[in-house]
Amino acid sequence: MLLGLSLNYLNMKKYLISGLVDSYRIKINLFAISPNSAISVFKQKYPNAEDIYVIQDLFKK
């Protein structure tokens, strides 16, 4: 189990996620395995967020 966690940690990338929260545009950096998982983490942190998207590092290795 520990080995599996360390392999996922090596595949994590930094994503800049933007979203509208209470009519304010918020941009935060998140570490995630994929852009979809980064957006999911953003939605968990800000449940009332709208218009969420990845700004950069989408195809960067």
C-alpha atoms as a PDB file:
ATOM      1  CA  MET A   1       0.000   0.000   0.000  1.00  0.00           C
ATOM      2  CA  LEU A   2       2.781   2.394   0.874  1.00  0.00           C
ATOM      3  CA  LEU A   3       4.476   1.739  -2.445  1.00  0.00           C
ATOM      4  CA  GLY A   4       1.264   2.564  -4.332  1.00  0.00           C
ATOM      5  CA  LEU A   5       0.939   5.870  -2.501  1.00  0.00           C
ATOM      6  CA  SER A   6       4.525   6.825  -3.303  1.00  0.00           C
ATOM      7  CA  LEU A   7       4.034   6.046  -7.013  1.00  0.00           C
ATOM      8  CA  ASN A   8       0.944   8.289  -7.155  1.00  0.00           C
ATOM      9  CA  TYR A   9       2.903  11.043  -5.414  1.00  0.00           C
ATOM     10  CA  LEU A  10       5.548  10.893  -8.147  1.00  0.00           C
ATOM     11  CA  ASN A  11       2.891  11.368 -10.852  1.00  0.00           C
ATOM     12  CA  MET A  12       1.324  14.447  -9.254  1.00  0.00           C
ATOM     13  CA  LYS A  13       1.558  17.757 -11.114  1.00  0.00           C
ATOM     14  CA  LYS A  14       0.811  21.330 -10.178  1.00  0.00           C
ATOM     15  CA  TYR A  15      -2.296  22.856 -11.766  1.00  0.00           C
ATOM     16  CA  LEU A  16      -3.537  26.426 -11.619  1.00  0.00           C
ATOM     17  CA  ILE A  17      -7.316  26.217 -11.142  1.00  0.00           C
ATOM     18  CA  SER A  18      -9.656  29.180 -11.510  1.00  0.00           C
ATOM     19  CA  GLY A  19     -13.250  29.458 -10.397  1.00  0.00           C
ATOM     20  CA  LEU A  20     -15.967  31.962  -9.486  1.00  0.00           C
ATOM     21  CA  VAL A  21     -16.783  31.909  -5.773  1.00  0.00           C
ATOM     22  CA  ASP A  22     -19.389  34.427  -4.580  1.00  0.00           C
ATOM     23  CA  SER A  23     -18.780  36.566  -7.707  1.00  0.00           C
ATOM     24  CA  TYR A  24     -15.004  36.678  -7.054  1.00  0.00           C
ATOM     25  CA  ARG A  25     -12.506  34.992  -9.368  1.00  0.00           C
ATOM     26  CA  ILE A  26     -10.216  32.760  -7.284  1.00  0.00           C
ATOM     27  CA  LYS A  27      -7.040  31.191  -8.658  1.00  0.00           C
ATOM     28  CA  ILE A  28      -5.191  28.576  -6.623  1.00  0.00           C
ATOM     29  CA  ASN A  29      -2.387  26.115  -7.307  1.00  0.00           C
ATOM     30  CA  LEU A  30      -3.227  22.488  -6.568  1.00  0.00           C
ATOM     31  CA  PHE A  31      -1.189  19.307  -6.754  1.00  0.00           C
ATOM     32  CA  ALA A  32      -3.154  16.507  -8.402  1.00  0.00           C
ATOM     33  CA  ILE A  33      -2.758  13.472 -10.624  1.00  0.00           C
ATOM     34  CA  SER A  34      -4.923  14.865 -13.437  1.00  0.00           C
ATOM     35  CA  PRO A  35      -6.743  18.093 -14.341  1.00  0.00           C
ATOM     36  CA  ASN A  36     -10.064  16.407 -13.539  1.00  0.00           C
ATOM     37  CA  SER A  37      -8.915  15.455 -10.058  1.00  0.00           C
ATOM     38  CA  ALA A  38      -7.626  19.022  -9.502  1.00  0.00           C
ATOM     39  CA  ILE A  39     -11.066  20.385 -10.422  1.00  0.00           C
ATOM     40  CA  SER A  40     -12.682  17.849  -8.068  1.00  0.00           C
ATOM     41  CA  VAL A  41     -10.454  19.025  -5.206  1.00  0.00           C
ATOM     42  CA  PHE A  42     -11.353  22.647  -6.001  1.00  0.00           C
ATOM     43  CA  LYS A  43     -15.067  21.743  -5.903  1.00  0.00           C
ATOM     44  CA  GLN A  44     -14.589  20.042  -2.531  1.00  0.00           C
ATOM     45  CA  LYS A  45     -12.816  23.101  -1.150  1.00  0.00           C
ATOM     46  CA  TYR A  46     -15.330  25.585  -2.619  1.00  0.00           C
ATOM     47  CA  PRO A  47     -18.691  23.757  -3.016  1.00  0.00           C
ATOM     48  CA  ASN A  48     -20.532  26.840  -4.334  1.00  0.00           C
ATOM     49  CA  ALA A  49     -17.914  27.571  -7.035  1.00  0.00           C
ATOM     50  CA  GLU A  50     -18.957  28.076 -10.662  1.00  0.00           C
ATOM     51  CA  ASP A  51     -17.118  28.279 -13.991  1.00  0.00           C
ATOM     52  CA  ILE A  52     -14.137  26.153 -12.868  1.00  0.00           C
ATOM     53  CA  TYR A  53     -11.287  25.496 -15.295  1.00  0.00           C
ATOM     54  CA  VAL A  54      -7.560  24.759 -15.525  1.00  0.00           C
ATOM     55  CA  ILE A  55      -5.446  27.710 -16.636  1.00  0.00           C
ATOM     56  CA  GLN A  56      -2.003  26.200 -17.191  1.00  0.00           C
ATOM     57  CA  ASP A  57       0.182  23.082 -17.013  1.00  0.00           C
ATOM     58  CA  LEU A  58      -2.442  20.987 -18.757  1.00  0.00           C
ATOM     59  CA  PHE A  59      -0.062  19.119 -21.068  1.00  0.00           C
ATOM     60  CA  LYS A  60       3.219  19.738 -19.260  1.00  0.00           C
ATOM     61  CA  LYS A  61       5.239  16.672 -18.231  1.00  0.00           C
END
